[in-house]
């Protein structure tokens, strides 16, 4: 019987989406459900500004800012890692 080793790296998964992709999809669905359940308008006070916005917009904006921060800190960490290696 022939040896079934893979010469070009580890065996590939038969799933088209990995665990990270599934987690992202679940998180987006939960965010959408949360936004759809919170549609009232709210008054937002930030420093010297005060404005009215639908709560779903505030939730979406917060999620976008959080994702940008997460990606930004990840990029900084990756840059530091590659800088140390060289």
PDB file of N, CA and C in Angstrom:
ATOM      1  N   UNK A   1       0.846  -1.164   0.000  1.00  0.00           N
ATOM      2  CA  UNK A   1       0.000   0.000   0.000  1.00  0.00           C
ATOM      3  C   UNK A   1       0.892   1.227   0.000  1.00  0.00           C
ATOM      4  N   UNK A   2       0.580   2.219  -0.798  1.00  0.00           N
ATOM      5  CA  UNK A   2       1.407   3.419  -0.946  1.00  0.00           C
ATOM      6  C   UNK A   2       1.235   4.340   0.255  1.00  0.00           C
ATOM      7  N   UNK A   3       2.301   5.072   0.566  1.00  0.00           N
ATOM      8  CA  UNK A   3       2.276   6.035   1.653  1.00  0.00           C
ATOM      9  C   UNK A   3       1.408   7.231   1.240  1.00  0.00           C
ATOM     10  N   UNK A   4       0.468   7.642   2.070  1.00  0.00           N
ATOM     11  CA  UNK A   4      -0.483   8.706   1.757  1.00  0.00           C
ATOM     12  C   UNK A   4      -0.035  10.064   2.291  1.00  0.00           C
ATOM     13  N   UNK A   5       1.252  10.375   2.300  1.00  0.00           N
ATOM     14  CA  UNK A   5       1.718  11.667   2.803  1.00  0.00           C
ATOM     15  C   UNK A   5       1.505  12.740   1.751  1.00  0.00           C
ATOM     16  N   UNK A   6       1.343  13.959   2.214  1.00  0.00           N
ATOM     17  CA  UNK A   6       1.155  15.102   1.325  1.00  0.00           C
ATOM     18  C   UNK A   6       2.492  15.799   1.165  1.00  0.00           C
ATOM     19  N   UNK A   7       2.924  15.946  -0.074  1.00  0.00           N
ATOM     20  CA  UNK A   7       4.217  16.564  -0.344  1.00  0.00           C
ATOM     21  C   UNK A   7       4.151  18.079  -0.350  1.00  0.00           C
ATOM     22  N   UNK A   8       2.970  18.648  -0.477  1.00  0.00           N
ATOM     23  CA  UNK A   8       2.838  20.093  -0.614  1.00  0.00           C
ATOM     24  C   UNK A   8       2.187  20.721   0.612  1.00  0.00           C
ATOM     25  N   UNK A   9       2.464  20.290   1.785  1.00  0.00           N
ATOM     26  CA  UNK A   9       1.923  20.885   2.999  1.00  0.00           C
ATOM     27  C   UNK A   9       0.883  19.993   3.644  1.00  0.00           C
ATOM     28  N   UNK A  10       0.227  20.524   4.666  1.00  0.00           N
ATOM     29  CA  UNK A  10      -0.763  19.731   5.389  1.00  0.00           C
ATOM     30  C   UNK A  10      -1.995  19.474   4.534  1.00  0.00           C
ATOM     31  N   UNK A  11      -2.753  18.440   4.876  1.00  0.00           N
ATOM     32  CA  UNK A  11      -3.957  18.142   4.087  1.00  0.00           C
ATOM     33  C   UNK A  11      -4.955  19.286   4.197  1.00  0.00           C
ATOM     34  N   UNK A  12      -5.647  19.555   3.107  1.00  0.00           N
ATOM     35  CA  UNK A  12      -6.617  20.643   3.094  1.00  0.00           C
ATOM     36  C   UNK A  12      -7.947  20.141   3.627  1.00  0.00           C
ATOM     37  N   UNK A  13      -8.652  21.040   4.303  1.00  0.00           N
ATOM     38  CA  UNK A  13      -9.963  20.716   4.836  1.00  0.00           C
ATOM     39  C   UNK A  13     -10.961  20.600   3.694  1.00  0.00           C
ATOM     40  N   UNK A  14     -11.954  19.756   3.867  1.00  0.00           N
ATOM     41  CA  UNK A  14     -12.981  19.616   2.840  1.00  0.00           C
ATOM     42  C   UNK A  14     -14.023  20.719   2.952  1.00  0.00           C
ATOM     43  N   UNK A  15     -14.014  21.492   4.052  1.00  0.00           N
ATOM     44  CA  UNK A  15     -14.954  22.588   4.214  1.00  0.00           C
ATOM     45  C   UNK A  15     -14.475  23.808   3.434  1.00  0.00           C
ATOM     46  N   UNK A  16     -15.402  24.491   2.743  1.00  0.00           N
ATOM     47  CA  UNK A  16     -14.988  25.672   1.992  1.00  0.00           C
ATOM     48  C   UNK A  16     -14.676  26.880   2.882  1.00  0.00           C
ATOM     49  N   UNK A  17     -15.196  26.886   4.122  1.00  0.00           N
ATOM     50  CA  UNK A  17     -14.986  27.995   5.050  1.00  0.00           C
ATOM     51  C   UNK A  17     -14.367  27.445   6.323  1.00  0.00           C
ATOM     52  N   UNK A  18     -13.318  28.126   6.817  1.00  0.00           N
ATOM     53  CA  UNK A  18     -12.662  27.683   8.040  1.00  0.00           C
ATOM     54  C   UNK A  18     -13.398  28.154   9.288  1.00  0.00           C
ATOM     55  N   UNK A  19     -12.824  27.843  10.437  1.00  0.00           N
ATOM     56  CA  UNK A  19     -13.432  28.206  11.717  1.00  0.00           C
ATOM     57  C   UNK A  19     -13.525  29.714  11.869  1.00  0.00           C
ATOM     58  N   UNK A  20     -12.520  30.439  11.397  1.00  0.00           N
ATOM     59  CA  UNK A  20     -12.556  31.891  11.480  1.00  0.00           C
ATOM     60  C   UNK A  20     -13.684  32.474  10.645  1.00  0.00           C
ATOM     61  N   UNK A  21     -13.901  31.913   9.471  1.00  0.00           N
ATOM     62  CA  UNK A  21     -14.982  32.373   8.605  1.00  0.00           C
ATOM     63  C   UNK A  21     -16.352  32.111   9.213  1.00  0.00           C
ATOM     64  N   UNK A  22     -16.505  30.941   9.806  1.00  0.00           N
ATOM     65  CA  UNK A  22     -17.773  30.602  10.460  1.00  0.00           C
ATOM     66  C   UNK A  22     -18.019  31.536  11.640  1.00  0.00           C
ATOM     67  N   UNK A  23     -16.987  31.810  12.427  1.00  0.00           N
ATOM     68  CA  UNK A  23     -17.116  32.723  13.561  1.00  0.00           C
ATOM     69  C   UNK A  23     -17.515  34.116  13.088  1.00  0.00           C
ATOM     70  N   UNK A  24     -16.910  34.577  12.002  1.00  0.00           N
ATOM     71  CA  UNK A  24     -17.236  35.893  11.446  1.00  0.00           C
ATOM     72  C   UNK A  24     -18.688  35.946  10.990  1.00  0.00           C
ATOM     73  N   UNK A  25     -19.149  34.919  10.318  1.00  0.00           N
ATOM     74  CA  UNK A  25     -20.530  34.885   9.839  1.00  0.00           C
ATOM     75  C   UNK A  25     -21.508  34.899  11.006  1.00  0.00           C
ATOM     76  N   UNK A  26     -21.244  34.106  12.035  1.00  0.00           N
ATOM     77  CA  UNK A  26     -22.109  34.074  13.223  1.00  0.00           C
ATOM     78  C   UNK A  26     -22.120  35.443  13.902  1.00  0.00           C
ATOM     79  N   UNK A  27     -20.960  36.077  14.026  1.00  0.00           N
ATOM     80  CA  UNK A  27     -20.879  37.391  14.665  1.00  0.00           C
ATOM     81  C   UNK A  27     -21.669  38.433  13.876  1.00  0.00           C
ATOM     82  N   UNK A  28     -21.581  38.395  12.552  1.00  0.00           N
ATOM     83  CA  UNK A  28     -22.324  39.346  11.728  1.00  0.00           C
ATOM     84  C   UNK A  28     -23.827  39.131  11.857  1.00  0.00           C
ATOM     85  N   UNK A  29     -24.260  37.875  11.871  1.00  0.00           N
ATOM     86  CA  UNK A  29     -25.688  37.576  12.028  1.00  0.00           C
ATOM     87  C   UNK A  29     -26.179  38.073  13.393  1.00  0.00           C
ATOM     88  N   UNK A  30     -25.414  37.811  14.450  1.00  0.00           N
ATOM     89  CA  UNK A  30     -25.809  38.279  15.780  1.00  0.00           C
ATOM     90  C   UNK A  30     -25.849  39.804  15.844  1.00  0.00           C
ATOM     91  N   UNK A  31     -24.899  40.462  15.208  1.00  0.00           N
ATOM     92  CA  UNK A  31     -24.887  41.928  15.164  1.00  0.00           C
ATOM     93  C   UNK A  31     -26.123  42.445  14.437  1.00  0.00           C
ATOM     94  N   UNK A  32     -26.485  41.824  13.311  1.00  0.00           N
ATOM     95  CA  UNK A  32     -27.671  42.247  12.571  1.00  0.00           C
ATOM     96  C   UNK A  32     -28.948  42.065  13.384  1.00  0.00           C
ATOM     97  N   UNK A  33     -29.069  40.941  14.085  1.00  0.00           N
ATOM     98  CA  UNK A  33     -30.236  40.701  14.936  1.00  0.00           C
ATOM     99  C   UNK A  33     -30.302  41.762  16.031  1.00  0.00           C
ATOM    100  N   UNK A  34     -29.167  42.058  16.649  1.00  0.00           N
ATOM    101  CA  UNK A  34     -29.102  43.057  17.709  1.00  0.00           C
ATOM    102  C   UNK A  34     -29.504  44.437  17.180  1.00  0.00           C
ATOM    103  N   UNK A  35     -29.027  44.769  15.981  1.00  0.00           N
ATOM    104  CA  UNK A  35     -29.362  46.061  15.384  1.00  0.00           C
ATOM    105  C   UNK A  35     -30.855  46.145  15.052  1.00  0.00           C
ATOM    106  N   UNK A  36     -31.420  45.068  14.517  1.00  0.00           N
ATOM    107  CA  UNK A  36     -32.837  45.074  14.150  1.00  0.00           C
ATOM    108  C   UNK A  36     -33.756  45.168  15.369  1.00  0.00           C
ATOM    109  N   UNK A  37     -33.287  44.712  16.520  1.00  0.00           N
ATOM    110  CA  UNK A  37     -34.088  44.778  17.737  1.00  0.00           C
ATOM    111  C   UNK A  37     -33.970  46.133  18.432  1.00  0.00           C
ATOM    112  N   UNK A  38     -33.020  46.965  18.035  1.00  0.00           N
ATOM    113  CA  UNK A  38     -32.794  48.257  18.677  1.00  0.00           C
ATOM    114  C   UNK A  38     -32.878  49.369  17.640  1.00  0.00           C
ATOM    115  N   UNK A  39     -34.129  49.771  17.328  1.00  0.00           N
ATOM    116  CA  UNK A  39     -34.340  50.745  16.255  1.00  0.00           C
ATOM    117  C   UNK A  39     -34.776  52.117  16.762  1.00  0.00           C
ATOM    118  N   UNK A  40     -34.922  52.299  18.056  1.00  0.00           N
ATOM    119  CA  UNK A  40     -35.350  53.592  18.592  1.00  0.00           C
ATOM    120  C   UNK A  40     -34.262  54.639  18.389  1.00  0.00           C
ATOM    121  N   UNK A  41     -34.675  55.906  18.369  1.00  0.00           N
ATOM    122  CA  UNK A  41     -33.710  57.002  18.297  1.00  0.00           C
ATOM    123  C   UNK A  41     -33.228  57.338  19.699  1.00  0.00           C
ATOM    124  N   UNK A  42     -31.960  57.654  19.800  1.00  0.00           N
ATOM    125  CA  UNK A  42     -31.361  58.015  21.084  1.00  0.00           C
ATOM    126  C   UNK A  42     -30.559  59.303  20.914  1.00  0.00           C
ATOM    127  N   UNK A  43     -30.380  60.027  22.014  1.00  0.00           N
ATOM    128  CA  UNK A  43     -29.561  61.226  21.999  1.00  0.00           C
ATOM    129  C   UNK A  43     -28.153  60.844  22.422  1.00  0.00           C
ATOM    130  N   UNK A  44     -27.188  61.216  21.622  1.00  0.00           N
ATOM    131  CA  UNK A  44     -25.788  60.900  21.890  1.00  0.00           C
ATOM    132  C   UNK A  44     -25.085  62.189  22.305  1.00  0.00           C
ATOM    133  N   UNK A  45     -24.416  62.160  23.441  1.00  0.00           N
ATOM    134  CA  UNK A  45     -23.606  63.280  23.907  1.00  0.00           C
ATOM    135  C   UNK A  45     -22.154  62.851  23.854  1.00  0.00           C
ATOM    136  N   UNK A  46     -21.355  63.591  23.089  1.00  0.00           N
ATOM    137  CA  UNK A  46     -19.926  63.288  22.982  1.00  0.00           C
ATOM    138  C   UNK A  46     -19.159  64.599  23.025  1.00  0.00           C
ATOM    139  N   UNK A  47     -18.365  64.769  24.058  1.00  0.00           N
ATOM    140  CA  UNK A  47     -17.608  65.992  24.294  1.00  0.00           C
ATOM    141  C   UNK A  47     -18.543  67.195  24.222  1.00  0.00           C
ATOM    142  N   UNK A  48     -18.409  68.054  23.238  1.00  0.00           N
ATOM    143  CA  UNK A  48     -19.251  69.248  23.137  1.00  0.00           C
ATOM    144  C   UNK A  48     -20.445  69.055  22.216  1.00  0.00           C
ATOM    145  N   UNK A  49     -20.536  67.898  21.555  1.00  0.00           N
ATOM    146  CA  UNK A  49     -21.601  67.660  20.588  1.00  0.00           C
ATOM    147  C   UNK A  49     -22.724  66.839  21.205  1.00  0.00           C
ATOM    148  N   UNK A  50     -23.913  67.097  20.715  1.00  0.00           N
ATOM    149  CA  UNK A  50     -25.082  66.318  21.103  1.00  0.00           C
ATOM    150  C   UNK A  50     -25.941  66.137  19.856  1.00  0.00           C
ATOM    151  N   UNK A  51     -26.307  64.906  19.556  1.00  0.00           N
ATOM    152  CA  UNK A  51     -27.118  64.659  18.369  1.00  0.00           C
ATOM    153  C   UNK A  51     -27.999  63.446  18.603  1.00  0.00           C
ATOM    154  N   UNK A  52     -29.033  63.347  17.769  1.00  0.00           N
ATOM    155  CA  UNK A  52     -29.968  62.220  17.837  1.00  0.00           C
ATOM    156  C   UNK A  52     -29.675  61.286  16.669  1.00  0.00           C
ATOM    157  N   UNK A  53     -29.668  59.999  16.974  1.00  0.00           N
ATOM    158  CA  UNK A  53     -29.372  58.999  15.957  1.00  0.00           C
ATOM    159  C   UNK A  53     -30.143  57.724  16.292  1.00  0.00           C
ATOM    160  N   UNK A  54     -30.485  56.942  15.272  1.00  0.00           N
ATOM    161  CA  UNK A  54     -31.096  55.642  15.583  1.00  0.00           C
ATOM    162  C   UNK A  54     -30.069  54.754  16.297  1.00  0.00           C
ATOM    163  N   UNK A  55     -30.546  54.008  17.276  1.00  0.00           N
ATOM    164  CA  UNK A  55     -29.642  53.180  18.077  1.00  0.00           C
ATOM    165  C   UNK A  55     -28.902  52.157  17.222  1.00  0.00           C
ATOM    166  N   UNK A  56     -29.546  51.625  16.167  1.00  0.00           N
ATOM    167  CA  UNK A  56     -28.866  50.653  15.313  1.00  0.00           C
ATOM    168  C   UNK A  56     -27.654  51.287  14.639  1.00  0.00           C
ATOM    169  N   UNK A  57     -27.731  52.591  14.335  1.00  0.00           N
ATOM    170  CA  UNK A  57     -26.592  53.284  13.728  1.00  0.00           C
ATOM    171  C   UNK A  57     -25.435  53.417  14.703  1.00  0.00           C
ATOM    172  N   UNK A  58     -25.773  53.674  15.963  1.00  0.00           N
ATOM    173  CA  UNK A  58     -24.736  53.766  16.996  1.00  0.00           C
ATOM    174  C   UNK A  58     -24.073  52.406  17.199  1.00  0.00           C
ATOM    175  N   UNK A  59     -24.875  51.346  17.196  1.00  0.00           N
ATOM    176  CA  UNK A  59     -24.347  49.990  17.348  1.00  0.00           C
ATOM    177  C   UNK A  59     -23.425  49.649  16.174  1.00  0.00           C
ATOM    178  N   UNK A  60     -23.874  49.940  14.956  1.00  0.00           N
ATOM    179  CA  UNK A  60     -23.071  49.657  13.767  1.00  0.00           C
ATOM    180  C   UNK A  60     -21.781  50.473  13.784  1.00  0.00           C
ATOM    181  N   UNK A  61     -21.880  51.757  14.115  1.00  0.00           N
ATOM    182  CA  UNK A  61     -20.694  52.603  14.187  1.00  0.00           C
ATOM    183  C   UNK A  61     -19.702  52.101  15.214  1.00  0.00           C
ATOM    184  N   UNK A  62     -20.201  51.682  16.364  1.00  0.00           N
ATOM    185  CA  UNK A  62     -19.328  51.148  17.405  1.00  0.00           C
ATOM    186  C   UNK A  62     -18.647  49.856  16.958  1.00  0.00           C
ATOM    187  N   UNK A  63     -19.401  49.008  16.256  1.00  0.00           N
ATOM    188  CA  UNK A  63     -18.820  47.760  15.756  1.00  0.00           C
ATOM    189  C   UNK A  63     -17.730  48.046  14.725  1.00  0.00           C
ATOM    190  N   UNK A  64     -17.957  49.021  13.862  1.00  0.00           N
ATOM    191  CA  UNK A  64     -16.961  49.366  12.844  1.00  0.00           C
ATOM    192  C   UNK A  64     -15.706  49.934  13.493  1.00  0.00           C
ATOM    193  N   UNK A  65     -15.883  50.839  14.458  1.00  0.00           N
ATOM    194  CA  UNK A  65     -14.721  51.409  15.159  1.00  0.00           C
ATOM    195  C   UNK A  65     -13.964  50.310  15.908  1.00  0.00           C
ATOM    196  N   UNK A  66     -14.686  49.395  16.546  1.00  0.00           N
ATOM    197  CA  UNK A  66     -14.044  48.290  17.254  1.00  0.00           C
ATOM    198  C   UNK A  66     -13.275  47.372  16.318  1.00  0.00           C
ATOM    199  N   UNK A  67     -13.868  47.060  15.160  1.00  0.00           N
ATOM    200  CA  UNK A  67     -13.183  46.207  14.187  1.00  0.00           C
ATOM    201  C   UNK A  67     -11.942  46.900  13.633  1.00  0.00           C
ATOM    202  N   UNK A  68     -12.040  48.201  13.383  1.00  0.00           N
ATOM    203  CA  UNK A  68     -10.876  48.946  12.877  1.00  0.00           C
ATOM    204  C   UNK A  68      -9.756  48.963  13.913  1.00  0.00           C
ATOM    205  N   UNK A  69     -10.110  49.145  15.176  1.00  0.00           N
ATOM    206  CA  UNK A  69      -9.100  49.127  16.239  1.00  0.00           C
ATOM    207  C   UNK A  69      -8.458  47.748  16.341  1.00  0.00           C
ATOM    208  N   UNK A  70      -9.276  46.689  16.271  1.00  0.00           N
ATOM    209  CA  UNK A  70      -8.784  45.318  16.342  1.00  0.00           C
ATOM    210  C   UNK A  70      -7.793  45.045  15.210  1.00  0.00           C
ATOM    211  N   UNK A  71      -8.167  45.440  13.987  1.00  0.00           N
ATOM    212  CA  UNK A  71      -7.286  45.233  12.838  1.00  0.00           C
ATOM    213  C   UNK A  71      -6.026  46.094  12.943  1.00  0.00           C
ATOM    214  N   UNK A  72      -6.193  47.317  13.423  1.00  0.00           N
ATOM    215  CA  UNK A  72      -5.043  48.210  13.575  1.00  0.00           C
ATOM    216  C   UNK A  72      -4.025  47.686  14.573  1.00  0.00           C
ATOM    217  N   UNK A  73      -4.506  47.243  15.718  1.00  0.00           N
ATOM    218  CA  UNK A  73      -3.593  46.693  16.718  1.00  0.00           C
ATOM    219  C   UNK A  73      -2.955  45.397  16.227  1.00  0.00           C
ATOM    220  N   UNK A  74      -3.705  44.609  15.464  1.00  0.00           N
ATOM    221  CA  UNK A  74      -3.144  43.393  14.877  1.00  0.00           C
ATOM    222  C   UNK A  74      -2.044  43.706  13.882  1.00  0.00           C
ATOM    223  N   UNK A  75      -2.254  44.751  13.087  1.00  0.00           N
ATOM    224  CA  UNK A  75      -1.230  45.152  12.110  1.00  0.00           C
ATOM    225  C   UNK A  75       0.027  45.650  12.825  1.00  0.00           C
ATOM    226  N   UNK A  76      -0.161  46.410  13.898  1.00  0.00           N
ATOM    227  CA  UNK A  76       0.990  46.891  14.673  1.00  0.00           C
ATOM    228  C   UNK A  76       1.748  45.715  15.269  1.00  0.00           C
ATOM    229  N   UNK A  77       1.016  44.760  15.822  1.00  0.00           N
ATOM    230  CA  UNK A  77       1.653  43.579  16.420  1.00  0.00           C
ATOM    231  C   UNK A  77       2.431  42.790  15.369  1.00  0.00           C
ATOM    232  N   UNK A  78       1.820  42.604  14.195  1.00  0.00           N
ATOM    233  CA  UNK A  78       2.484  41.874  13.110  1.00  0.00           C
ATOM    234  C   UNK A  78       3.735  42.614  12.651  1.00  0.00           C
ATOM    235  N   UNK A  79       3.671  43.932  12.561  1.00  0.00           N
ATOM    236  CA  UNK A  79       4.816  44.729  12.143  1.00  0.00           C
ATOM    237  C   UNK A  79       5.963  44.592  13.154  1.00  0.00           C
ATOM    238  N   UNK A  80       5.625  44.621  14.431  1.00  0.00           N
ATOM    239  CA  UNK A  80       6.647  44.474  15.469  1.00  0.00           C
ATOM    240  C   UNK A  80       7.282  43.081  15.423  1.00  0.00           C
ATOM    241  N   UNK A  81       6.442  42.080  15.149  1.00  0.00           N
ATOM    242  CA  UNK A  81       6.941  40.704  15.062  1.00  0.00           C
ATOM    243  C   UNK A  81       7.918  40.544  13.907  1.00  0.00           C
ATOM    244  N   UNK A  82       7.571  41.104  12.747  1.00  0.00           N
ATOM    245  CA  UNK A  82       8.443  40.971  11.574  1.00  0.00           C
ATOM    246  C   UNK A  82       9.691  41.851  11.716  1.00  0.00           C
ATOM    247  N   UNK A  83       9.568  42.965  12.429  1.00  0.00           N
ATOM    248  CA  UNK A  83      10.732  43.830  12.638  1.00  0.00           C
ATOM    249  C   UNK A  83      11.754  43.155  13.542  1.00  0.00           C
ATOM    250  N   UNK A  84      11.309  42.419  14.540  1.00  0.00           N
ATOM    251  CA  UNK A  84      12.204  41.706  15.443  1.00  0.00           C
ATOM    252  C   UNK A  84      12.923  40.569  14.726  1.00  0.00           C
ATOM    253  N   UNK A  85      12.241  39.953  13.762  1.00  0.00           N
ATOM    254  CA  UNK A  85      12.800  38.797  13.065  1.00  0.00           C
ATOM    255  C   UNK A  85      13.951  39.197  12.132  1.00  0.00           C
ATOM    256  N   UNK A  86      13.956  40.436  11.681  1.00  0.00           N
ATOM    257  CA  UNK A  86      14.996  40.845  10.742  1.00  0.00           C
ATOM    258  C   UNK A  86      16.165  41.491  11.421  1.00  0.00           C
TER     259      UNK A  86
END
